[in-house]
Amino acid sequence: MSTPAPRQTGAAALPAAVSHLQSLRARLAGGVQPFVYSGSLVRVRGLILEAQGLDVSLGERCRISTDNNRFIDAEVVGFHGDSVQLMALGEVQGLMPGARVHPVPGDIRIPVGPELLGRVIDGNGRPLDGAGPLLASSYTSLSTRPINPLERALVRQALDVGVRAINALFTVGRGARMGLFAGSGVGKSVLLGMMARNTDADVIVVGLIGERGREVKEFIEDILGDAGLARAVVVAAPADAPALTRIRGARLATAIAEYYRDQGQNVLLLMDSITRYALALREVALAAGEPPAARGFPPSVFAKLPALVERAGNGPAGGGSITAFYTVLMEGDDQQDPVADNVRAILDGHIVLSRRLAEQGHFPAIDLQSSISRVMPAIASPVELRRMQRLKELQSRYTSQQDLIAVGAYTPGADPQLDLAVQAHAGIRQFLVQDMHTAVDLAQSRAQLADLMAPYLPPEN
């Protein structure tokens, strides 16, 4: 029977302990693999995937293994007892009961920087244009800290959008949030393209959220054009994308605009449309079990809309700005639609497009009486405001009697103000109509309005 070696004690044991300690340090320096835990998929209920055995928070990302060695990304959208409710960011074919669900720590890193200009990406930040990987110099995240409202610079500088009617009658200020309210097929995408091509903003961020996939390429090639795309970033999350991807696309476009604003640049954010964003929020909320309220929209939708819109606007004084245009799709041209009514209350102005004018070939089909810019009094002179108000007054008077004029029942001389409205109508219509390929800058717009209204206003002192 062998006798064990005697144990070293005292000074003789010190070299061995030091050697063992150095070995442990070397192993630590080589990196320690973190403990990785996972849960399992237990139920699929409609759009909701339920998993157990996970310790995750709301909004955290997870990755689910499928039977063909493929992974599906998902996001935590709720909890039900011991189960975690997830919604997939892609197709769910191939999922099986008991599939492993792995949490993905950390927020999504969004590539940003000058290298992103001219690129088209999807709602998850992946390139769609076939121009190679995104080799960006900086990164940001979807979640940003809100700016203290008292630290924001006031809207005091006009932004030239290249559209005569908007420049002169609904002047947009840098950092304003405007709504473009329209039914389907009345020219809102064309108007967005005109502003994208003709604006004097430094960077343009376009979010195509929930629109038809065919319209994405048309907007980029036919409406935005090469010149517009060169200084733009396009985020496309079309209608066939999962609801979470559409939601993420709107947040992604806003986060990219925030990055450029924080770099001191003036950004024009065009989002088409915020209604599709609201519909995606409704889809997720209803699937997670939230009860509907106004016309099927759960209350959480109306809490998240201002959270997105308020991220646009001016930064601190001396910094950059985000001037945002959000298109609002009015179902049946109903301005009392819950989404339209809610968004109108949180914006700095709204431009309403009229189907009646569009059917007459009047483009852009801006309804003067229903549109307003709440920031215009702060960035236009009193004289310019009087000209705008006088034009709207004359056009309103003509519109109210248009049917009588059309059938010949109008008698000249009976109403002096109506006589002036009839006299000015042809010039006003010509002023409001603009070809989509023509740009009219801010100074030209104001000068043309001054010439048009000179005969109908008292002489300036």
Protein backbone atom coordinates (compact mmCIF):
# COMPACT_ATOMS: atom_id res chain seq x y z
CA MET A 1 0.00 0.00 0.00
CA SER A 2 1.48 3.36 -1.14
CA THR A 3 2.03 6.10 1.34
CA PRO A 4 0.69 9.61 0.34
CA ALA A 5 3.27 12.36 -0.11
CA PRO A 6 3.63 14.48 2.98
CA ARG A 7 1.75 17.79 2.82
CA GLN A 8 3.95 20.84 2.57
CA THR A 9 3.55 23.37 5.32
CA GLY A 10 4.99 26.73 6.22
CA ALA A 11 7.48 28.40 3.88
CA ALA A 12 7.79 25.29 1.71
CA ALA A 13 4.08 25.57 0.64
CA LEU A 14 4.36 29.21 -0.49
CA PRO A 15 5.80 28.65 -4.01
CA ALA A 16 3.10 26.10 -4.81
CA ALA A 17 0.31 28.50 -3.66
CA VAL A 18 1.76 31.32 -5.74
CA SER A 19 1.96 29.09 -8.79
CA HIS A 20 -1.67 28.01 -8.31
CA LEU A 21 -2.78 31.65 -7.95
CA GLN A 22 -0.95 32.64 -11.12
CA SER A 23 -2.66 29.80 -12.96
CA LEU A 24 -6.09 31.03 -11.82
CA ARG A 25 -5.27 34.58 -12.90
CA ALA A 26 -4.24 33.36 -16.32
CA ARG A 27 -7.53 31.53 -16.72
CA LEU A 28 -9.45 34.66 -15.70
CA ALA A 29 -7.45 36.79 -18.13
CA GLY A 30 -8.43 34.43 -20.93
CA GLY A 31 -12.08 35.21 -20.31
CA VAL A 32 -14.77 33.46 -18.36
CA GLN A 33 -17.78 32.24 -20.25
CA PRO A 34 -20.90 33.76 -18.66
CA PHE A 35 -23.66 31.54 -17.44
CA VAL A 36 -26.27 31.24 -20.18
CA TYR A 37 -29.80 30.26 -19.25
CA SER A 38 -32.81 29.65 -21.45
CA GLY A 39 -36.48 28.94 -21.25
CA SER A 40 -38.80 26.79 -23.31
CA LEU A 41 -41.70 27.53 -25.62
CA VAL A 42 -44.93 26.20 -24.15
CA ARG A 43 -47.72 27.74 -26.19
CA VAL A 44 -48.51 29.59 -29.40
CA ARG A 45 -51.72 31.63 -29.27
CA GLY A 46 -52.34 33.63 -32.41
CA LEU A 47 -49.49 36.10 -32.68
CA ILE A 48 -48.37 35.53 -29.10
CA LEU A 49 -45.66 33.01 -28.17
CA GLU A 50 -45.59 31.94 -24.51
CA ALA A 51 -42.43 30.70 -22.83
CA GLN A 52 -41.52 29.64 -19.31
CA GLY A 53 -38.31 29.56 -17.35
CA LEU A 54 -37.17 33.05 -18.37
CA ASP A 55 -36.09 35.98 -16.24
CA VAL A 56 -36.56 38.86 -18.68
CA SER A 57 -37.99 42.36 -18.71
CA LEU A 58 -40.58 44.03 -20.93
CA GLY A 59 -39.17 44.94 -24.33
CA GLU A 60 -36.17 42.60 -24.01
CA ARG A 61 -35.14 40.61 -27.06
CA CYS A 62 -35.07 36.83 -27.20
CA ARG A 63 -33.98 34.24 -29.76
CA ILE A 64 -35.96 31.03 -30.33
CA SER A 65 -34.44 27.87 -31.82
CA THR A 66 -36.39 26.02 -34.53
CA ASP A 67 -36.30 22.40 -35.67
CA ASN A 68 -34.12 23.15 -38.73
CA ASN A 69 -31.25 24.90 -36.90
CA ARG A 70 -32.74 28.31 -37.57
CA PHE A 71 -33.35 31.14 -35.10
CA ILE A 72 -36.35 33.45 -34.80
CA ASP A 73 -35.99 36.78 -33.03
CA ALA A 74 -38.77 37.85 -30.71
CA GLU A 75 -39.53 40.59 -28.21
CA VAL A 76 -41.14 40.44 -24.77
CA VAL A 77 -44.53 42.17 -24.94
CA GLY A 78 -46.20 41.01 -21.72
CA PHE A 79 -46.54 38.48 -18.92
CA HIS A 80 -49.26 36.04 -17.94
CA GLY A 81 -48.72 34.27 -14.64
CA ASP A 82 -45.41 32.42 -14.88
CA SER A 83 -45.39 32.71 -18.66
CA VAL A 84 -43.56 35.32 -20.70
CA GLN A 85 -45.47 36.61 -23.75
CA LEU A 86 -43.36 37.17 -26.84
CA MET A 87 -44.08 38.34 -30.35
CA ALA A 88 -41.91 37.22 -33.26
CA LEU A 89 -40.07 39.64 -35.52
CA GLY A 90 -40.33 37.24 -38.45
CA GLU A 91 -42.07 34.13 -39.74
CA VAL A 92 -42.76 31.46 -37.12
CA GLN A 93 -42.77 28.38 -39.31
CA GLY A 94 -40.72 25.57 -37.83
CA LEU A 95 -41.41 26.25 -34.16
CA MET A 96 -42.06 23.21 -32.00
CA PRO A 97 -43.25 22.73 -28.39
CA GLY A 98 -40.32 22.94 -26.02
CA ALA A 99 -38.17 25.04 -28.36
CA ARG A 100 -35.38 26.77 -26.46
CA VAL A 101 -35.77 30.51 -25.88
CA HIS A 102 -32.55 32.43 -25.17
CA PRO A 103 -32.54 36.03 -23.89
CA VAL A 104 -30.39 38.46 -25.89
CA PRO A 105 -28.92 40.99 -23.44
CA GLY A 106 -28.46 44.64 -24.33
CA ASP A 107 -30.34 47.07 -26.56
CA ILE A 108 -30.19 47.01 -30.35
CA ARG A 109 -27.15 48.85 -31.70
CA ILE A 110 -28.20 51.07 -34.59
CA PRO A 111 -25.46 52.05 -37.08
CA VAL A 112 -25.40 55.80 -37.75
CA GLY A 113 -23.05 58.38 -39.18
CA PRO A 114 -22.27 59.89 -42.59
CA GLU A 115 -21.94 56.39 -44.05
CA LEU A 116 -25.68 55.83 -43.55
CA LEU A 117 -26.70 58.60 -45.96
CA GLY A 118 -28.06 57.23 -49.23
CA ARG A 119 -28.88 53.84 -47.71
CA VAL A 120 -32.19 51.97 -47.41
CA ILE A 121 -32.66 49.76 -44.36
CA ASP A 122 -35.50 47.69 -42.92
CA GLY A 123 -37.25 48.09 -39.59
CA ASN A 124 -34.57 46.03 -37.84
CA GLY A 125 -31.67 48.07 -39.22
CA ARG A 126 -30.59 45.62 -41.93
CA PRO A 127 -29.71 46.95 -45.42
CA LEU A 128 -32.30 46.46 -48.17
CA ASP A 129 -30.53 48.19 -51.06
CA GLY A 130 -27.92 45.54 -51.86
CA ALA A 131 -25.12 48.06 -51.37
CA GLY A 132 -23.22 45.94 -48.89
CA PRO A 133 -23.06 45.94 -45.09
CA LEU A 134 -23.51 49.08 -43.03
CA LEU A 135 -19.99 50.14 -42.10
CA ALA A 136 -21.01 52.95 -39.79
CA SER A 137 -18.65 55.02 -37.67
CA SER A 138 -21.07 55.38 -34.73
CA TYR A 139 -23.93 53.55 -33.08
CA THR A 140 -27.03 54.57 -31.18
CA SER A 141 -29.99 52.78 -29.61
CA LEU A 142 -33.76 52.75 -30.00
CA SER A 143 -34.33 54.08 -26.51
CA THR A 144 -33.13 57.61 -25.79
CA ARG A 145 -33.51 59.92 -22.83
CA PRO A 146 -36.22 62.58 -23.39
CA ILE A 147 -35.02 66.17 -23.62
CA ASN A 148 -36.08 68.44 -20.79
CA PRO A 149 -38.75 70.70 -22.39
CA LEU A 150 -37.17 73.74 -20.74
CA GLU A 151 -33.87 72.96 -22.47
CA ARG A 152 -35.36 72.90 -25.96
CA ALA A 153 -34.75 75.89 -28.21
CA LEU A 154 -37.90 77.75 -29.30
CA VAL A 155 -39.18 77.50 -32.87
CA ARG A 156 -38.02 80.83 -34.27
CA GLN A 157 -36.55 80.05 -37.69
CA ALA A 158 -38.49 79.18 -40.84
CA LEU A 159 -37.72 76.03 -42.83
CA ASP A 160 -37.95 76.21 -46.61
CA VAL A 161 -39.76 73.08 -47.89
CA GLY A 162 -39.91 74.11 -51.55
CA VAL A 163 -43.72 74.02 -51.73
CA ARG A 164 -45.21 77.49 -52.39
CA ALA A 165 -48.52 77.01 -50.60
CA ILE A 166 -46.85 75.67 -47.45
CA ASN A 167 -44.02 78.21 -47.44
CA ALA A 168 -46.34 81.21 -47.79
CA LEU A 169 -49.54 80.14 -46.02
CA PHE A 170 -48.46 77.51 -43.47
CA THR A 171 -44.84 78.42 -42.84
CA VAL A 172 -43.00 75.59 -41.09
CA GLY A 173 -40.42 76.37 -38.42
CA ARG A 174 -37.28 74.40 -37.71
CA GLY A 175 -38.17 71.96 -34.97
CA ALA A 176 -41.93 71.98 -35.60
CA ARG A 177 -43.99 68.76 -35.75
CA MET A 178 -46.57 68.90 -38.54
CA GLY A 179 -49.28 66.48 -39.61
CA LEU A 180 -50.26 65.72 -43.18
CA PHE A 181 -53.89 64.52 -43.00
CA ALA A 182 -55.30 62.78 -46.05
CA GLY A 183 -57.41 59.94 -47.30
CA SER A 184 -55.98 57.35 -49.64
CA GLY A 185 -54.90 58.45 -53.11
CA VAL A 186 -54.94 62.24 -52.74
CA GLY A 187 -51.23 62.88 -53.19
CA LYS A 188 -49.64 62.78 -49.73
CA SER A 189 -46.65 60.67 -50.86
CA VAL A 190 -46.01 63.04 -53.79
CA LEU A 191 -46.12 66.03 -51.43
CA LEU A 192 -43.66 64.31 -49.09
CA GLY A 193 -41.34 63.69 -52.03
CA MET A 194 -41.51 67.35 -53.06
CA MET A 195 -40.47 68.42 -49.59
CA ALA A 196 -37.72 65.80 -49.41
CA ARG A 197 -36.17 66.96 -52.69
CA ASN A 198 -36.54 70.70 -52.16
CA THR A 199 -36.01 71.32 -48.46
CA ASP A 200 -32.92 73.10 -47.18
CA ALA A 201 -32.46 70.63 -44.30
CA ASP A 202 -29.03 69.04 -43.87
CA VAL A 203 -30.29 65.46 -43.54
CA ILE A 204 -33.57 63.77 -44.49
CA VAL A 205 -34.82 60.67 -42.67
CA VAL A 206 -37.77 58.90 -44.31
CA GLY A 207 -39.80 56.27 -42.47
CA LEU A 208 -42.08 54.24 -44.76
CA ILE A 209 -44.14 52.42 -42.16
CA GLY A 210 -46.86 49.95 -43.09
CA GLU A 211 -47.25 51.07 -46.69
CA ARG A 212 -47.46 48.76 -49.71
CA GLY A 213 -44.14 47.16 -50.62
CA ARG A 214 -44.50 48.36 -54.21
CA GLU A 215 -44.62 51.96 -53.01
CA VAL A 216 -41.23 51.73 -51.31
CA LYS A 217 -39.26 51.46 -54.55
CA GLU A 218 -41.53 53.97 -56.28
CA PHE A 219 -40.99 56.51 -53.52
CA ILE A 220 -37.22 56.06 -53.60
CA GLU A 221 -36.74 56.12 -57.38
CA ASP A 222 -39.63 58.19 -58.75
CA ILE A 223 -40.50 60.58 -55.93
CA LEU A 224 -37.35 61.00 -53.84
CA GLY A 225 -34.90 60.68 -56.75
CA ASP A 226 -31.11 60.35 -56.72
CA ALA A 227 -30.55 63.90 -55.47
CA GLY A 228 -32.94 63.43 -52.53
CA LEU A 229 -31.59 59.99 -51.64
CA ALA A 230 -27.98 61.24 -51.56
CA ARG A 231 -28.66 63.11 -48.30
CA ALA A 232 -31.35 60.81 -46.95
CA VAL A 233 -31.75 57.65 -44.90
CA VAL A 234 -34.80 55.53 -45.75
CA VAL A 235 -36.28 53.10 -43.23
CA ALA A 236 -38.78 50.76 -44.89
CA ALA A 237 -41.10 48.49 -42.89
CA PRO A 238 -43.86 47.65 -45.40
CA ALA A 239 -47.32 46.28 -44.68
CA ASP A 240 -46.27 42.62 -44.85
CA ALA A 241 -43.65 43.10 -42.10
CA PRO A 242 -44.61 41.84 -38.62
CA ALA A 243 -46.26 44.37 -36.34
CA LEU A 244 -43.19 44.64 -34.10
CA THR A 245 -40.99 45.37 -37.11
CA ARG A 246 -43.33 48.20 -38.16
CA ILE A 247 -43.23 49.62 -34.63
CA ARG A 248 -39.47 49.27 -34.50
CA GLY A 249 -39.17 50.94 -37.93
CA ALA A 250 -40.89 54.10 -36.68
CA ARG A 251 -38.71 54.18 -33.58
CA LEU A 252 -35.61 53.46 -35.67
CA ALA A 253 -36.27 56.36 -38.04
CA THR A 254 -36.78 58.67 -35.06
CA ALA A 255 -33.59 57.44 -33.35
CA ILE A 256 -31.55 58.05 -36.51
CA ALA A 257 -32.99 61.58 -36.78
CA GLU A 258 -32.12 62.19 -33.12
CA TYR A 259 -28.50 61.19 -33.74
CA TYR A 260 -28.07 63.71 -36.56
CA ARG A 261 -29.83 66.39 -34.51
CA ASP A 262 -27.44 65.76 -31.62
CA GLN A 263 -24.57 66.29 -34.09
CA GLY A 264 -25.84 69.83 -34.65
CA GLN A 265 -27.56 69.18 -37.99
CA ASN A 266 -31.02 70.25 -39.12
CA VAL A 267 -33.04 67.12 -39.93
CA LEU A 268 -36.28 66.70 -41.86
CA LEU A 269 -38.12 63.60 -40.63
CA LEU A 270 -40.86 62.30 -42.95
CA MET A 271 -42.94 59.43 -41.57
CA ASP A 272 -45.54 57.79 -43.80
CA SER A 273 -47.59 56.95 -41.93
CA ILE A 274 -48.11 57.34 -38.21
CA THR A 275 -51.53 55.74 -38.64
CA ARG A 276 -49.88 52.46 -39.68
CA TYR A 277 -47.67 52.76 -36.61
CA ALA A 278 -50.80 53.11 -34.45
CA LEU A 279 -52.38 50.09 -36.15
CA ALA A 280 -49.27 48.03 -35.40
CA LEU A 281 -49.43 49.12 -31.76
CA ARG A 282 -53.08 48.07 -31.68
CA GLU A 283 -52.23 44.68 -33.18
CA VAL A 284 -49.63 43.99 -30.49
CA ALA A 285 -51.75 45.29 -27.61
CA LEU A 286 -54.85 43.29 -28.59
CA ALA A 287 -52.79 40.13 -29.08
CA ALA A 288 -51.33 40.59 -25.59
CA GLY A 289 -54.85 40.77 -24.14
CA GLU A 290 -55.36 44.51 -23.63
CA PRO A 291 -59.05 45.46 -23.94
CA PRO A 292 -60.07 47.77 -26.80
CA ALA A 293 -61.43 51.26 -26.18
CA ALA A 294 -62.02 53.84 -28.93
CA ARG A 295 -62.95 52.08 -32.20
CA GLY A 296 -60.90 49.04 -31.27
CA PHE A 297 -57.79 50.96 -30.19
CA PRO A 298 -56.51 50.04 -26.70
CA PRO A 299 -55.59 52.92 -24.36
CA SER A 300 -51.86 52.17 -24.58
CA VAL A 301 -51.83 53.24 -28.25
CA PHE A 302 -52.79 56.80 -27.34
CA ALA A 303 -50.07 56.86 -24.68
CA LYS A 304 -47.34 55.74 -27.10
CA LEU A 305 -48.21 58.15 -29.92
CA PRO A 306 -47.09 61.30 -28.05
CA ALA A 307 -44.06 59.41 -26.72
CA LEU A 308 -42.88 58.99 -30.33
CA VAL A 309 -43.84 62.46 -31.59
CA GLU A 310 -42.27 64.28 -28.64
CA ARG A 311 -38.86 62.86 -29.55
CA ALA A 312 -38.80 65.18 -32.59
CA GLY A 313 -38.29 68.92 -32.30
CA ASN A 314 -35.44 71.26 -31.42
CA GLY A 315 -32.50 70.30 -29.28
CA PRO A 316 -30.83 72.70 -26.84
CA ALA A 317 -30.18 76.26 -28.05
CA GLY A 318 -27.39 76.40 -30.60
CA GLY A 319 -27.80 72.74 -31.54
CA GLY A 320 -29.63 70.83 -34.25
CA SER A 321 -33.31 70.30 -34.91
CA ILE A 322 -35.79 67.70 -36.16
CA THR A 323 -38.62 69.12 -38.25
CA ALA A 324 -41.10 66.29 -38.62
CA PHE A 325 -43.98 65.63 -41.01
CA TYR A 326 -46.25 62.72 -40.05
CA THR A 327 -48.85 61.54 -42.53
CA VAL A 328 -52.19 60.60 -41.00
CA LEU A 329 -54.44 58.35 -43.05
CA MET A 330 -58.05 59.36 -42.40
CA GLU A 331 -60.38 56.41 -42.94
CA GLY A 332 -63.25 57.55 -45.15
CA ASP A 333 -61.79 61.11 -45.04
CA ASP A 334 -63.07 61.33 -41.46
CA GLN A 335 -61.16 63.95 -39.49
CA GLN A 336 -62.74 62.64 -36.26
CA ASP A 337 -60.98 59.30 -36.63
CA PRO A 338 -59.47 58.47 -33.17
CA VAL A 339 -55.88 58.43 -34.42
CA ALA A 340 -56.33 61.61 -36.47
CA ASP A 341 -58.01 63.42 -33.59
CA ASN A 342 -55.34 62.35 -31.09
CA VAL A 343 -52.38 63.19 -33.33
CA ARG A 344 -53.84 66.60 -34.26
CA ALA A 345 -53.81 67.57 -30.59
CA ILE A 346 -50.10 66.81 -30.08
CA LEU A 347 -48.73 68.40 -33.27
CA ASP A 348 -47.68 71.98 -34.03
CA GLY A 349 -49.94 72.22 -37.05
CA HIS A 350 -51.76 70.17 -39.64
CA ILE A 351 -52.15 70.29 -43.40
CA VAL A 352 -55.30 68.62 -44.69
CA LEU A 353 -55.47 67.31 -48.25
CA SER A 354 -58.88 67.45 -49.92
CA ARG A 355 -60.20 64.64 -52.10
CA ARG A 356 -62.51 67.13 -53.84
CA LEU A 357 -59.53 69.24 -54.94
CA ALA A 358 -57.56 66.16 -56.00
CA GLU A 359 -60.45 65.03 -58.19
CA GLN A 360 -60.32 68.45 -59.88
CA GLY A 361 -56.64 67.99 -60.71
CA HIS A 362 -55.61 70.55 -58.09
CA PHE A 363 -52.22 69.46 -56.66
CA PRO A 364 -51.06 69.76 -54.00
CA ALA A 365 -54.68 69.38 -52.87
CA ILE A 366 -54.35 71.49 -49.70
CA ASP A 367 -57.61 72.45 -47.98
CA LEU A 368 -56.91 76.01 -46.86
CA GLN A 369 -59.77 76.28 -44.39
CA SER A 370 -58.94 73.04 -42.56
CA SER A 371 -55.16 73.56 -42.38
CA ILE A 372 -53.12 75.62 -39.94
CA SER A 373 -49.55 76.16 -38.76
CA ARG A 374 -49.46 77.01 -35.05
CA VAL A 375 -45.85 78.13 -35.25
CA MET A 376 -46.31 80.58 -38.15
CA PRO A 377 -47.14 83.59 -35.91
CA ALA A 378 -43.71 83.19 -34.29
CA ILE A 379 -41.72 83.06 -37.54
CA ALA A 380 -43.65 85.35 -39.93
CA SER A 381 -44.03 89.12 -39.86
CA PRO A 382 -47.41 90.78 -39.18
CA VAL A 383 -47.61 91.82 -42.83
CA GLU A 384 -47.08 88.25 -44.02
CA LEU A 385 -49.74 87.04 -41.59
CA ARG A 386 -52.23 89.59 -42.95
CA ARG A 387 -51.58 88.46 -46.52
CA MET A 388 -52.12 84.85 -45.53
CA GLN A 389 -55.33 85.64 -43.68
CA ARG A 390 -56.64 87.76 -46.57
CA LEU A 391 -56.02 85.00 -49.10
CA LYS A 392 -57.81 82.45 -46.92
CA GLU A 393 -60.69 84.88 -46.41
CA LEU A 394 -61.16 85.48 -50.14
CA GLN A 395 -60.90 81.77 -50.95
CA SER A 396 -63.38 80.88 -48.20
CA ARG A 397 -65.88 83.45 -49.50
CA TYR A 398 -65.57 82.09 -53.04
CA THR A 399 -65.90 78.46 -51.91
CA SER A 400 -69.07 79.19 -49.92
CA GLN A 401 -70.80 80.57 -53.06
CA GLN A 402 -69.12 78.33 -55.64
CA ASP A 403 -72.29 76.42 -56.54
CA LEU A 404 -74.26 79.64 -57.17
CA ILE A 405 -71.43 81.01 -59.29
CA ALA A 406 -71.24 77.79 -61.30
CA VAL A 407 -74.96 77.88 -62.25
CA GLY A 408 -74.94 81.60 -63.06
CA ALA A 409 -77.04 82.65 -60.05
CA TYR A 410 -74.38 85.05 -58.79
CA THR A 411 -75.12 88.72 -59.51
CA PRO A 412 -72.03 90.95 -59.61
CA GLY A 413 -72.33 94.03 -57.41
CA ALA A 414 -74.61 92.49 -54.80
CA ASP A 415 -71.71 91.64 -52.46
CA PRO A 416 -68.50 93.68 -52.82
CA GLN A 417 -66.43 91.13 -50.88
CA LEU A 418 -67.70 88.29 -53.04
CA ASP A 419 -66.87 90.38 -56.12
CA LEU A 420 -63.27 90.61 -54.89
CA ALA A 421 -63.20 86.87 -54.19
CA VAL A 422 -64.40 86.08 -57.73
CA GLN A 423 -61.87 88.50 -59.15
CA ALA A 424 -59.00 86.95 -57.14
CA HIS A 425 -59.98 83.30 -57.59
CA ALA A 426 -58.05 82.53 -60.78
CA GLY A 427 -54.85 84.03 -59.38
CA ILE A 428 -55.26 82.21 -56.06
CA ARG A 429 -55.76 78.88 -57.79
CA GLN A 430 -52.67 79.43 -59.92
CA PHE A 431 -50.73 80.33 -56.79
CA LEU A 432 -51.80 77.17 -54.94
CA VAL A 433 -51.12 74.71 -57.78
CA GLN A 434 -47.53 73.53 -58.22
CA ASP A 435 -45.93 70.86 -60.40
CA MET A 436 -44.27 68.07 -58.44
CA HIS A 437 -40.94 68.64 -60.22
CA THR A 438 -40.88 72.40 -59.57
CA ALA A 439 -39.40 74.01 -56.48
CA VAL A 440 -40.38 77.43 -55.13
CA ASP A 441 -38.21 78.65 -52.28
CA LEU A 442 -39.37 80.57 -49.22
CA ALA A 443 -38.40 84.03 -50.48
CA GLN A 444 -40.10 83.47 -53.84
CA SER A 445 -43.23 82.15 -52.15
CA ARG A 446 -43.56 85.18 -49.92
CA ALA A 447 -42.85 87.60 -52.80
CA GLN A 448 -45.47 85.95 -55.02
CA LEU A 449 -48.01 86.08 -52.21
CA ALA A 450 -47.28 89.80 -51.72
CA ASP A 451 -47.84 90.49 -55.43
CA LEU A 452 -51.02 88.43 -55.48
CA MET A 453 -52.59 90.11 -52.42
CA ALA A 454 -51.44 93.70 -53.14
CA PRO A 455 -54.75 94.72 -54.84
CA TYR A 456 -56.85 93.27 -51.98
CA LEU A 457 -55.08 94.79 -48.97
CA PRO A 458 -54.84 98.43 -47.83
CA PRO A 459 -51.49 100.08 -48.56
CA GLU A 460 -48.81 99.41 -45.96
CA ASN A 461 -47.80 102.39 -43.80
